[in-house]
Amino acid sequence: MKNIIIVLLFAIGLNAHAQEKKNKNAKYNIEVNGNCDQCKKRIEKAAFSVSGVKSAVWDIESHQLNVILNEEKASVTDVEKAVAKIGHDTQTQKAPDEVYEKLHSCCKYDRK
């Protein structure tokens, strides 16, 4: 009986340790391709469409999307997928060709 209690306490301790506390205001910088103010509006709107995103600001010059998000509700991958879905490549997510081709001519960037 004593051994069973020790094993249960050990298992409970491992389970509690395995659950990481997620940050509700995690800050990330994501590289997103784009060129102009239209791109800025589109990229920020796509980022805000992800539940849990609290702030999204894309800088035209640096191509950096600064995001603050609740990690309990969203991940960086969720944001990158939303941005790629509207035609803008990120470091890990590539926009579908047919969506990219529909972008306004000023919004088309050099794809890698």
PDB file of N, CA and C in Angstrom:
ATOM      1  N   MET A   1       0.829  -1.200   0.000  1.00  0.00           N
ATOM      2  CA  MET A   1       0.000   0.000   0.000  1.00  0.00           C
ATOM      3  C   MET A   1       0.870   1.259   0.000  1.00  0.00           C
ATOM      4  N   LYS A   2       1.933   1.234   0.779  1.00  0.00           N
ATOM      5  CA  LYS A   2       2.829   2.380   0.867  1.00  0.00           C
ATOM      6  C   LYS A   2       3.479   2.665  -0.492  1.00  0.00           C
ATOM      7  N   ASN A   3       3.839   1.599  -1.213  1.00  0.00           N
ATOM      8  CA  ASN A   3       4.467   1.755  -2.528  1.00  0.00           C
ATOM      9  C   ASN A   3       3.498   2.374  -3.539  1.00  0.00           C
ATOM     10  N   ILE A   4       2.226   1.997  -3.446  1.00  0.00           N
ATOM     11  CA  ILE A   4       1.228   2.548  -4.368  1.00  0.00           C
ATOM     12  C   ILE A   4       1.082   4.052  -4.154  1.00  0.00           C
ATOM     13  N   ILE A   5       1.053   4.456  -2.911  1.00  0.00           N
ATOM     14  CA  ILE A   5       0.925   5.890  -2.609  1.00  0.00           C
ATOM     15  C   ILE A   5       2.139   6.652  -3.121  1.00  0.00           C
ATOM     16  N   ILE A   6       3.314   6.086  -2.951  1.00  0.00           N
ATOM     17  CA  ILE A   6       4.530   6.751  -3.430  1.00  0.00           C
ATOM     18  C   ILE A   6       4.500   6.880  -4.961  1.00  0.00           C
ATOM     19  N   VAL A   7       4.079   5.828  -5.637  1.00  0.00           N
ATOM     20  CA  VAL A   7       4.005   5.860  -7.109  1.00  0.00           C
ATOM     21  C   VAL A   7       2.987   6.897  -7.562  1.00  0.00           C
ATOM     22  N   LEU A   8       1.832   6.965  -6.899  1.00  0.00           N
ATOM     23  CA  LEU A   8       0.810   7.956  -7.264  1.00  0.00           C
ATOM     24  C   LEU A   8       1.311   9.383  -7.055  1.00  0.00           C
ATOM     25  N   LEU A   9       1.973   9.627  -5.946  1.00  0.00           N
ATOM     26  CA  LEU A   9       2.516  10.968  -5.693  1.00  0.00           C
ATOM     27  C   LEU A   9       3.566  11.332  -6.741  1.00  0.00           C
ATOM     28  N   PHE A  10       4.389  10.369  -7.129  1.00  0.00           N
ATOM     29  CA  PHE A  10       5.401  10.610  -8.150  1.00  0.00           C
ATOM     30  C   PHE A  10       4.741  10.935  -9.494  1.00  0.00           C
ATOM     31  N   ALA A  11       3.696  10.172  -9.837  1.00  0.00           N
ATOM     32  CA  ALA A  11       2.992  10.394 -11.108  1.00  0.00           C
ATOM     33  C   ALA A  11       2.317  11.760 -11.131  1.00  0.00           C
ATOM     34  N   ILE A  12       1.706  12.146 -10.014  1.00  0.00           N
ATOM     35  CA  ILE A  12       1.044  13.458  -9.934  1.00  0.00           C
ATOM     36  C   ILE A  12       2.085  14.566 -10.078  1.00  0.00           C
ATOM     37  N   GLY A  13       3.215  14.398  -9.459  1.00  0.00           N
ATOM     38  CA  GLY A  13       4.285  15.389  -9.553  1.00  0.00           C
ATOM     39  C   GLY A  13       4.794  15.537 -10.970  1.00  0.00           C
ATOM     40  N   LEU A  14       4.960  14.435 -11.671  1.00  0.00           N
ATOM     41  CA  LEU A  14       5.406  14.495 -13.066  1.00  0.00           C
ATOM     42  C   LEU A  14       4.378  15.181 -13.953  1.00  0.00           C
ATOM     43  N   ASN A  15       3.114  14.873 -13.735  1.00  0.00           N
ATOM     44  CA  ASN A  15       2.036  15.468 -14.534  1.00  0.00           C
ATOM     45  C   ASN A  15       1.975  16.980 -14.328  1.00  0.00           C
ATOM     46  N   ALA A  16       2.100  17.412 -13.086  1.00  0.00           N
ATOM     47  CA  ALA A  16       2.056  18.846 -12.803  1.00  0.00           C
ATOM     48  C   ALA A  16       3.246  19.553 -13.423  1.00  0.00           C
ATOM     49  N   HIS A  17       4.398  18.916 -13.417  1.00  0.00           N
ATOM     50  CA  HIS A  17       5.596  19.518 -13.985  1.00  0.00           C
ATOM     51  C   HIS A  17       5.504  19.588 -15.510  1.00  0.00           C
ATOM     52  N   ALA A  18       4.811  18.618 -16.113  1.00  0.00           N
ATOM     53  CA  ALA A  18       4.711  18.557 -17.568  1.00  0.00           C
ATOM     54  C   ALA A  18       3.847  19.670 -18.139  1.00  0.00           C
ATOM     55  N   GLN A  19       2.920  20.214 -17.357  1.00  0.00           N
ATOM     56  CA  GLN A  19       2.044  21.267 -17.844  1.00  0.00           C
ATOM     57  C   GLN A  19       2.748  22.613 -17.710  1.00  0.00           C
ATOM     58  N   GLU A  20       3.136  23.176 -18.846  1.00  0.00           N
ATOM     59  CA  GLU A  20       3.791  24.471 -18.839  1.00  0.00           C
ATOM     60  C   GLU A  20       2.754  25.574 -18.761  1.00  0.00           C
ATOM     61  N   LYS A  21       3.086  26.585 -18.022  1.00  0.00           N
ATOM     62  CA  LYS A  21       2.197  27.731 -17.972  1.00  0.00           C
ATOM     63  C   LYS A  21       2.463  28.578 -19.206  1.00  0.00           C
ATOM     64  N   LYS A  22       1.407  28.893 -19.931  1.00  0.00           N
ATOM     65  CA  LYS A  22       1.565  29.658 -21.162  1.00  0.00           C
ATOM     66  C   LYS A  22       1.406  31.144 -20.896  1.00  0.00           C
ATOM     67  N   ASN A  23       2.149  31.925 -21.651  1.00  0.00           N
ATOM     68  CA  ASN A  23       2.179  33.373 -21.501  1.00  0.00           C
ATOM     69  C   ASN A  23       0.960  34.007 -22.180  1.00  0.00           C
ATOM     70  N   LYS A  24       0.252  34.850 -21.445  1.00  0.00           N
ATOM     71  CA  LYS A  24      -0.930  35.500 -22.010  1.00  0.00           C
ATOM     72  C   LYS A  24      -0.583  36.756 -22.798  1.00  0.00           C
ATOM     73  N   ASN A  25       0.648  37.215 -22.697  1.00  0.00           N
ATOM     74  CA  ASN A  25       1.101  38.397 -23.440  1.00  0.00           C
ATOM     75  C   ASN A  25       2.460  38.137 -24.082  1.00  0.00           C
ATOM     76  N   ALA A  26       2.545  37.048 -24.814  1.00  0.00           N
ATOM     77  CA  ALA A  26       3.807  36.683 -25.463  1.00  0.00           C
ATOM     78  C   ALA A  26       4.063  37.594 -26.660  1.00  0.00           C
ATOM     79  N   LYS A  27       5.306  38.036 -26.793  1.00  0.00           N
ATOM     80  CA  LYS A  27       5.679  38.929 -27.890  1.00  0.00           C
ATOM     81  C   LYS A  27       6.536  38.177 -28.899  1.00  0.00           C
ATOM     82  N   TYR A  28       6.195  38.351 -30.175  1.00  0.00           N
ATOM     83  CA  TYR A  28       6.932  37.698 -31.246  1.00  0.00           C
ATOM     84  C   TYR A  28       7.167  38.680 -32.384  1.00  0.00           C
ATOM     85  N   ASN A  29       8.255  38.468 -33.101  1.00  0.00           N
ATOM     86  CA  ASN A  29       8.538  39.191 -34.345  1.00  0.00           C
ATOM     87  C   ASN A  29       8.548  38.165 -35.462  1.00  0.00           C
ATOM     88  N   ILE A  30       7.729  38.407 -36.460  1.00  0.00           N
ATOM     89  CA  ILE A  30       7.596  37.476 -37.574  1.00  0.00           C
ATOM     90  C   ILE A  30       7.944  38.218 -38.849  1.00  0.00           C
ATOM     91  N   GLU A  31       8.830  37.655 -39.677  1.00  0.00           N
ATOM     92  CA  GLU A  31       9.155  38.269 -40.954  1.00  0.00           C
ATOM     93  C   GLU A  31       8.053  37.928 -41.958  1.00  0.00           C
ATOM     94  N   VAL A  32       7.467  38.977 -42.551  1.00  0.00           N
ATOM     95  CA  VAL A  32       6.376  38.804 -43.517  1.00  0.00           C
ATOM     96  C   VAL A  32       6.701  39.633 -44.750  1.00  0.00           C
ATOM     97  N   ASN A  33       6.616  39.034 -45.915  1.00  0.00           N
ATOM     98  CA  ASN A  33       6.888  39.752 -47.162  1.00  0.00           C
ATOM     99  C   ASN A  33       5.701  40.620 -47.556  1.00  0.00           C
ATOM    100  N   GLY A  34       6.016  41.798 -48.060  1.00  0.00           N
ATOM    101  CA  GLY A  34       5.019  42.753 -48.509  1.00  0.00           C
ATOM    102  C   GLY A  34       5.710  44.033 -48.922  1.00  0.00           C
ATOM    103  N   ASN A  35       4.950  44.994 -49.469  1.00  0.00           N
ATOM    104  CA  ASN A  35       5.583  46.195 -50.011  1.00  0.00           C
ATOM    105  C   ASN A  35       4.992  47.528 -49.576  1.00  0.00           C
ATOM    106  N   CYS A  36       3.706  47.585 -49.308  1.00  0.00           N
ATOM    107  CA  CYS A  36       3.064  48.901 -49.254  1.00  0.00           C
ATOM    108  C   CYS A  36       2.033  48.994 -48.111  1.00  0.00           C
ATOM    109  N   ASP A  37       1.318  50.122 -48.092  1.00  0.00           N
ATOM    110  CA  ASP A  37       0.301  50.335 -47.065  1.00  0.00           C
ATOM    111  C   ASP A  37      -0.873  49.360 -47.207  1.00  0.00           C
ATOM    112  N   GLN A  38      -1.192  48.990 -48.465  1.00  0.00           N
ATOM    113  CA  GLN A  38      -2.253  47.992 -48.651  1.00  0.00           C
ATOM    114  C   GLN A  38      -1.844  46.661 -48.011  1.00  0.00           C
ATOM    115  N   CYS A  39      -0.571  46.305 -48.198  1.00  0.00           N
ATOM    116  CA  CYS A  39      -0.061  45.076 -47.590  1.00  0.00           C
ATOM    117  C   CYS A  39      -0.155  45.173 -46.069  1.00  0.00           C
ATOM    118  N   LYS A  40       0.235  46.314 -45.532  1.00  0.00           N
ATOM    119  CA  LYS A  40       0.211  46.527 -44.081  1.00  0.00           C
ATOM    120  C   LYS A  40      -1.192  46.284 -43.528  1.00  0.00           C
ATOM    121  N   LYS A  41      -2.192  46.901 -44.160  1.00  0.00           N
ATOM    122  CA  LYS A  41      -3.571  46.719 -43.690  1.00  0.00           C
ATOM    123  C   LYS A  41      -3.998  45.262 -43.778  1.00  0.00           C
ATOM    124  N   ARG A  42      -3.664  44.617 -44.890  1.00  0.00           N
ATOM    125  CA  ARG A  42      -4.069  43.225 -45.105  1.00  0.00           C
ATOM    126  C   ARG A  42      -3.391  42.290 -44.094  1.00  0.00           C
ATOM    127  N   ILE A  43      -2.096  42.486 -43.880  1.00  0.00           N
ATOM    128  CA  ILE A  43      -1.326  41.624 -42.972  1.00  0.00           C
ATOM    129  C   ILE A  43      -1.821  41.791 -41.537  1.00  0.00           C
ATOM    130  N   GLU A  44      -1.996  43.032 -41.104  1.00  0.00           N
ATOM    131  CA  GLU A  44      -2.455  43.271 -39.729  1.00  0.00           C
ATOM    132  C   GLU A  44      -3.873  42.738 -39.527  1.00  0.00           C
ATOM    133  N   LYS A  45      -4.741  42.910 -40.539  1.00  0.00           N
ATOM    134  CA  LYS A  45      -6.113  42.394 -40.442  1.00  0.00           C
ATOM    135  C   LYS A  45      -6.102  40.867 -40.323  1.00  0.00           C
ATOM    136  N   ALA A  46      -5.234  40.217 -41.102  1.00  0.00           N
ATOM    137  CA  ALA A  46      -5.139  38.751 -41.042  1.00  0.00           C
ATOM    138  C   ALA A  46      -4.646  38.303 -39.667  1.00  0.00           C
ATOM    139  N   ALA A  47      -3.662  39.019 -39.126  1.00  0.00           N
ATOM    140  CA  ALA A  47      -3.138  38.650 -37.796  1.00  0.00           C
ATOM    141  C   ALA A  47      -4.228  38.799 -36.739  1.00  0.00           C
ATOM    142  N   PHE A  48      -4.985  39.898 -36.807  1.00  0.00           N
ATOM    143  CA  PHE A  48      -6.053  40.121 -35.821  1.00  0.00           C
ATOM    144  C   PHE A  48      -7.203  39.124 -35.985  1.00  0.00           C
ATOM    145  N   SER A  49      -7.302  38.467 -37.127  1.00  0.00           N
ATOM    146  CA  SER A  49      -8.375  37.487 -37.316  1.00  0.00           C
ATOM    147  C   SER A  49      -8.143  36.221 -36.490  1.00  0.00           C
ATOM    148  N   VAL A  50      -6.928  36.062 -35.994  1.00  0.00           N
ATOM    149  CA  VAL A  50      -6.606  34.893 -35.166  1.00  0.00           C
ATOM    150  C   VAL A  50      -7.022  35.193 -33.728  1.00  0.00           C
ATOM    151  N   SER A  51      -7.854  34.340 -33.179  1.00  0.00           N
ATOM    152  CA  SER A  51      -8.301  34.516 -31.801  1.00  0.00           C
ATOM    153  C   SER A  51      -7.100  34.443 -30.854  1.00  0.00           C
ATOM    154  N   GLY A  52      -6.996  35.418 -29.964  1.00  0.00           N
ATOM    155  CA  GLY A  52      -5.889  35.447 -29.018  1.00  0.00           C
ATOM    156  C   GLY A  52      -4.835  36.474 -29.363  1.00  0.00           C
ATOM    157  N   VAL A  53      -4.899  37.053 -30.569  1.00  0.00           N
ATOM    158  CA  VAL A  53      -3.947  38.096 -30.960  1.00  0.00           C
ATOM    159  C   VAL A  53      -4.427  39.425 -30.374  1.00  0.00           C
ATOM    160  N   LYS A  54      -3.569  40.053 -29.578  1.00  0.00           N
ATOM    161  CA  LYS A  54      -3.925  41.305 -28.901  1.00  0.00           C
ATOM    162  C   LYS A  54      -3.371  42.531 -29.624  1.00  0.00           C
ATOM    163  N   SER A  55      -2.244  42.364 -30.299  1.00  0.00           N
ATOM    164  CA  SER A  55      -1.622  43.476 -31.015  1.00  0.00           C
ATOM    165  C   SER A  55      -0.907  42.922 -32.232  1.00  0.00           C
ATOM    166  N   ALA A  56      -0.988  43.662 -33.334  1.00  0.00           N
ATOM    167  CA  ALA A  56      -0.291  43.262 -34.557  1.00  0.00           C
ATOM    168  C   ALA A  56       0.073  44.522 -35.327  1.00  0.00           C
ATOM    169  N   VAL A  57       1.370  44.751 -35.481  1.00  0.00           N
ATOM    170  CA  VAL A  57       1.846  45.920 -36.218  1.00  0.00           C
ATOM    171  C   VAL A  57       2.943  45.454 -37.175  1.00  0.00           C
ATOM    172  N   TRP A  58       2.718  45.708 -38.474  1.00  0.00           N
ATOM    173  CA  TRP A  58       3.697  45.323 -39.483  1.00  0.00           C
ATOM    174  C   TRP A  58       4.438  46.558 -39.954  1.00  0.00           C
ATOM    175  N   ASP A  59       5.760  46.475 -40.004  1.00  0.00           N
ATOM    176  CA  ASP A  59       6.604  47.588 -40.435  1.00  0.00           C
ATOM    177  C   ASP A  59       7.007  47.368 -41.890  1.00  0.00           C
ATOM    178  N   ILE A  60       6.686  48.349 -42.727  1.00  0.00           N
ATOM    179  CA  ILE A  60       6.958  48.238 -44.160  1.00  0.00           C
ATOM    180  C   ILE A  60       8.454  48.097 -44.442  1.00  0.00           C
ATOM    181  N   GLU A  61       9.283  48.882 -43.774  1.00  0.00           N
ATOM    182  CA  GLU A  61      10.724  48.890 -44.046  1.00  0.00           C
ATOM    183  C   GLU A  61      11.417  47.587 -43.631  1.00  0.00           C
ATOM    184  N   SER A  62      11.123  47.122 -42.434  1.00  0.00           N
ATOM    185  CA  SER A  62      11.827  45.942 -41.920  1.00  0.00           C
ATOM    186  C   SER A  62      11.132  44.623 -42.258  1.00  0.00           C
ATOM    187  N   HIS A  63       9.878  44.706 -42.702  1.00  0.00           N
ATOM    188  CA  HIS A  63       9.056  43.523 -42.994  1.00  0.00           C
ATOM    189  C   HIS A  63       8.816  42.669 -41.752  1.00  0.00           C
ATOM    190  N   GLN A  64       8.865  43.312 -40.581  1.00  0.00           N
ATOM    191  CA  GLN A  64       8.640  42.607 -39.321  1.00  0.00           C
ATOM    192  C   GLN A  64       7.222  42.844 -38.820  1.00  0.00           C
ATOM    193  N   LEU A  65       6.543  41.756 -38.506  1.00  0.00           N
ATOM    194  CA  LEU A  65       5.224  41.826 -37.881  1.00  0.00           C
ATOM    195  C   LEU A  65       5.425  41.588 -36.391  1.00  0.00           C
ATOM    196  N   ASN A  66       5.176  42.626 -35.598  1.00  0.00           N
ATOM    197  CA  ASN A  66       5.297  42.518 -34.146  1.00  0.00           C
ATOM    198  C   ASN A  66       3.938  42.137 -33.593  1.00  0.00           C
ATOM    199  N   VAL A  67       3.891  40.997 -32.918  1.00  0.00           N
ATOM    200  CA  VAL A  67       2.630  40.446 -32.451  1.00  0.00           C
ATOM    201  C   VAL A  67       2.688  40.210 -30.946  1.00  0.00           C
ATOM    202  N   ILE A  68       1.598  40.537 -30.274  1.00  0.00           N
ATOM    203  CA  ILE A  68       1.406  40.145 -28.881  1.00  0.00           C
ATOM    204  C   ILE A  68       0.195  39.233 -28.873  1.00  0.00           C
ATOM    205  N   LEU A  69       0.375  38.034 -28.335  1.00  0.00           N
ATOM    206  CA  LEU A  69      -0.726  37.071 -28.352  1.00  0.00           C
ATOM    207  C   LEU A  69      -0.803  36.275 -27.058  1.00  0.00           C
ATOM    208  N   ASN A  70      -1.988  35.736 -26.819  1.00  0.00           N
ATOM    209  CA  ASN A  70      -2.236  34.860 -25.687  1.00  0.00           C
ATOM    210  C   ASN A  70      -1.913  33.438 -26.143  1.00  0.00           C
ATOM    211  N   GLU A  71      -0.856  32.867 -25.598  1.00  0.00           N
ATOM    212  CA  GLU A  71      -0.428  31.532 -26.033  1.00  0.00           C
ATOM    213  C   GLU A  71      -1.424  30.436 -25.654  1.00  0.00           C
ATOM    214  N   GLU A  72      -2.361  30.749 -24.770  1.00  0.00           N
ATOM    215  CA  GLU A  72      -3.399  29.765 -24.436  1.00  0.00           C
ATOM    216  C   GLU A  72      -4.410  29.646 -25.569  1.00  0.00           C
ATOM    217  N   LYS A  73      -4.507  30.681 -26.415  1.00  0.00           N
ATOM    218  CA  LYS A  73      -5.512  30.696 -27.478  1.00  0.00           C
ATOM    219  C   LYS A  73      -4.925  30.588 -28.886  1.00  0.00           C
ATOM    220  N   ALA A  74      -3.666  31.007 -29.052  1.00  0.00           N
ATOM    221  CA  ALA A  74      -3.085  31.046 -30.403  1.00  0.00           C
ATOM    222  C   ALA A  74      -1.587  30.791 -30.344  1.00  0.00           C
ATOM    223  N   SER A  75      -1.040  30.492 -31.499  1.00  0.00           N
ATOM    224  CA  SER A  75       0.411  30.287 -31.608  1.00  0.00           C
ATOM    225  C   SER A  75       0.942  31.133 -32.766  1.00  0.00           C
ATOM    226  N   VAL A  76       2.245  31.225 -32.843  1.00  0.00           N
ATOM    227  CA  VAL A  76       2.865  31.952 -33.950  1.00  0.00           C
ATOM    228  C   VAL A  76       2.503  31.280 -35.272  1.00  0.00           C
ATOM    229  N   THR A  77       2.442  29.979 -35.270  1.00  0.00           N
ATOM    230  CA  THR A  77       2.082  29.241 -36.490  1.00  0.00           C
ATOM    231  C   THR A  77       0.678  29.620 -36.944  1.00  0.00           C
ATOM    232  N   ASP A  78      -0.250  29.792 -36.009  1.00  0.00           N
ATOM    233  CA  ASP A  78      -1.613  30.208 -36.375  1.00  0.00           C
ATOM    234  C   ASP A  78      -1.577  31.561 -37.098  1.00  0.00           C
ATOM    235  N   VAL A  79      -0.782  32.486 -36.583  1.00  0.00           N
ATOM    236  CA  VAL A  79      -0.679  33.822 -37.192  1.00  0.00           C
ATOM    237  C   VAL A  79      -0.028  33.718 -38.568  1.00  0.00           C
ATOM    238  N   GLU A  80       1.042  32.941 -38.665  1.00  0.00           N
ATOM    239  CA  GLU A  80       1.728  32.798 -39.955  1.00  0.00           C
ATOM    240  C   GLU A  80       0.817  32.162 -41.006  1.00  0.00           C
ATOM    241  N   LYS A  81       0.028  31.189 -40.606  1.00  0.00           N
ATOM    242  CA  LYS A  81      -0.907  30.560 -41.548  1.00  0.00           C
ATOM    243  C   LYS A  81      -1.970  31.555 -42.011  1.00  0.00           C
ATOM    244  N   ALA A  82      -2.467  32.384 -41.103  1.00  0.00           N
ATOM    245  CA  ALA A  82      -3.486  33.379 -41.465  1.00  0.00           C
ATOM    246  C   ALA A  82      -2.916  34.404 -42.439  1.00  0.00           C
ATOM    247  N   VAL A  83      -1.674  34.805 -42.222  1.00  0.00           N
ATOM    248  CA  VAL A  83      -1.031  35.786 -43.103  1.00  0.00           C
ATOM    249  C   VAL A  83      -0.737  35.170 -44.476  1.00  0.00           C
ATOM    250  N   ALA A  84      -0.271  33.945 -44.481  1.00  0.00           N
ATOM    251  CA  ALA A  84       0.018  33.260 -45.756  1.00  0.00           C
ATOM    252  C   ALA A  84      -1.267  33.050 -46.551  1.00  0.00           C
ATOM    253  N   LYS A  85      -2.353  32.811 -45.854  1.00  0.00           N
ATOM    254  CA  LYS A  85      -3.636  32.543 -46.515  1.00  0.00           C
ATOM    255  C   LYS A  85      -4.119  33.732 -47.350  1.00  0.00           C
ATOM    256  N   ILE A  86      -3.657  34.953 -46.991  1.00  0.00           N
ATOM    257  CA  ILE A  86      -4.100  36.138 -47.735  1.00  0.00           C
ATOM    258  C   ILE A  86      -3.037  36.609 -48.733  1.00  0.00           C
ATOM    259  N   GLY A  87      -1.982  35.792 -48.932  1.00  0.00           N
ATOM    260  CA  GLY A  87      -1.049  36.085 -50.011  1.00  0.00           C
ATOM    261  C   GLY A  87       0.344  36.552 -49.626  1.00  0.00           C
ATOM    262  N   HIS A  88       0.680  36.542 -48.347  1.00  0.00           N
ATOM    263  CA  HIS A  88       1.990  37.035 -47.926  1.00  0.00           C
ATOM    264  C   HIS A  88       2.800  35.912 -47.282  1.00  0.00           C
ATOM    265  N   ASP A  89       3.993  35.658 -47.851  1.00  0.00           N
ATOM    266  CA  ASP A  89       4.869  34.603 -47.332  1.00  0.00           C
ATOM    267  C   ASP A  89       5.487  35.016 -46.002  1.00  0.00           C
ATOM    268  N   THR A  90       5.689  34.023 -45.136  1.00  0.00           N
ATOM    269  CA  THR A  90       6.468  34.212 -43.913  1.00  0.00           C
ATOM    270  C   THR A  90       7.671  33.275 -44.008  1.00  0.00           C
ATOM    271  N   GLN A  91       8.473  33.232 -42.968  1.00  0.00           N
ATOM    272  CA  GLN A  91       9.644  32.359 -42.999  1.00  0.00           C
ATOM    273  C   GLN A  91       9.250  30.887 -43.064  1.00  0.00           C
ATOM    274  N   THR A  92       8.131  30.529 -42.457  1.00  0.00           N
ATOM    275  CA  THR A  92       7.759  29.109 -42.407  1.00  0.00           C
ATOM    276  C   THR A  92       6.518  28.757 -43.223  1.00  0.00           C
ATOM    277  N   GLN A  93       5.743  29.764 -43.627  1.00  0.00           N
ATOM    278  CA  GLN A  93       4.506  29.497 -44.368  1.00  0.00           C
ATOM    279  C   GLN A  93       4.541  30.233 -45.702  1.00  0.00           C
ATOM    280  N   LYS A  94       4.296  29.515 -46.777  1.00  0.00           N
ATOM    281  CA  LYS A  94       4.277  30.129 -48.099  1.00  0.00           C
ATOM    282  C   LYS A  94       2.824  30.279 -48.557  1.00  0.00           C
ATOM    283  N   ALA A  95       2.523  31.453 -49.083  1.00  0.00           N
ATOM    284  CA  ALA A  95       1.173  31.721 -49.576  1.00  0.00           C
ATOM    285  C   ALA A  95       0.897  30.857 -50.803  1.00  0.00           C
ATOM    286  N   PRO A  96      -0.338  30.401 -50.973  1.00  0.00           N
ATOM    287  CA  PRO A  96      -0.678  29.663 -52.197  1.00  0.00           C
ATOM    288  C   PRO A  96      -0.452  30.550 -53.423  1.00  0.00           C
ATOM    289  N   ASP A  97       0.058  29.956 -54.496  1.00  0.00           N
ATOM    290  CA  ASP A  97       0.362  30.714 -55.714  1.00  0.00           C
ATOM    291  C   ASP A  97      -0.860  31.450 -56.263  1.00  0.00           C
ATOM    292  N   GLU A  98      -2.016  30.781 -56.254  1.00  0.00           N
ATOM    293  CA  GLU A  98      -3.216  31.408 -56.805  1.00  0.00           C
ATOM    294  C   GLU A  98      -3.652  32.630 -55.981  1.00  0.00           C
ATOM    295  N   VAL A  99      -3.402  32.614 -54.683  1.00  0.00           N
ATOM    296  CA  VAL A  99      -3.739  33.770 -53.841  1.00  0.00           C
ATOM    297  C   VAL A  99      -2.731  34.891 -54.092  1.00  0.00           C
ATOM    298  N   TYR A 100      -1.445  34.525 -54.160  1.00  0.00           N
ATOM    299  CA  TYR A 100      -0.409  35.526 -54.429  1.00  0.00           C
ATOM    300  C   TYR A 100      -0.667  36.227 -55.758  1.00  0.00           C
ATOM    301  N   GLU A 101      -1.044  35.480 -56.778  1.00  0.00           N
ATOM    302  CA  GLU A 101      -1.273  36.058 -58.105  1.00  0.00           C
ATOM    303  C   GLU A 101      -2.431  37.051 -58.123  1.00  0.00           C
ATOM    304  N   LYS A 102      -3.343  36.956 -57.166  1.00  0.00           N
ATOM    305  CA  LYS A 102      -4.479  37.872 -57.107  1.00  0.00           C
ATOM    306  C   LYS A 102      -4.153  39.179 -56.381  1.00  0.00           C
ATOM    307  N   LEU A 103      -2.950  39.274 -55.784  1.00  0.00           N
ATOM    308  CA  LEU A 103      -2.574  40.520 -55.107  1.00  0.00           C
ATOM    309  C   LEU A 103      -2.452  41.641 -56.122  1.00  0.00           C
ATOM    310  N   HIS A 104      -2.717  42.876 -55.680  1.00  0.00           N
ATOM    311  CA  HIS A 104      -2.534  44.047 -56.522  1.00  0.00           C
ATOM    312  C   HIS A 104      -1.076  44.108 -56.972  1.00  0.00           C
ATOM    313  N   SER A 105      -0.827  44.685 -58.128  1.00  0.00           N
ATOM    314  CA  SER A 105       0.541  44.694 -58.685  1.00  0.00           C
ATOM    315  C   SER A 105       1.560  45.346 -57.746  1.00  0.00           C
ATOM    316  N   CYS A 106       1.152  46.378 -57.001  1.00  0.00           N
ATOM    317  CA  CYS A 106       2.100  47.030 -56.093  1.00  0.00           C
ATOM    318  C   CYS A 106       2.422  46.152 -54.880  1.00  0.00           C
ATOM    319  N   CYS A 107       1.593  45.170 -54.625  1.00  0.00           N
ATOM    320  CA  CYS A 107       1.768  44.308 -53.450  1.00  0.00           C
ATOM    321  C   CYS A 107       2.632  43.081 -53.737  1.00  0.00           C
ATOM    322  N   LYS A 108       2.894  42.820 -55.013  1.00  0.00           N
ATOM    323  CA  LYS A 108       3.686  41.633 -55.345  1.00  0.00           C
ATOM    324  C   LYS A 108       5.146  41.879 -55.022  1.00  0.00           C
ATOM    325  N   TYR A 109       5.729  40.958 -54.314  1.00  0.00           N
ATOM    326  CA  TYR A 109       7.112  41.045 -53.850  1.00  0.00           C
ATOM    327  C   TYR A 109       7.903  39.913 -54.489  1.00  0.00           C
ATOM    328  N   ASP A 110       9.220  39.977 -54.365  1.00  0.00           N
ATOM    329  CA  ASP A 110      10.076  38.909 -54.891  1.00  0.00           C
ATOM    330  C   ASP A 110       9.955  37.696 -53.982  1.00  0.00           C
ATOM    331  N   ARG A 111       9.432  36.624 -54.538  1.00  0.00           N
ATOM    332  CA  ARG A 111       9.279  35.394 -53.751  1.00  0.00           C
ATOM    333  C   ARG A 111      10.572  34.608 -53.767  1.00  0.00           C
ATOM    334  N   LYS A 112      10.869  33.989 -52.654  1.00  0.00           N
ATOM    335  CA  LYS A 112      12.104  33.189 -52.546  1.00  0.00           C
ATOM    336  C   LYS A 112      11.821  31.762 -52.913  1.00  0.00           C
TER     337      LYS A 112
END
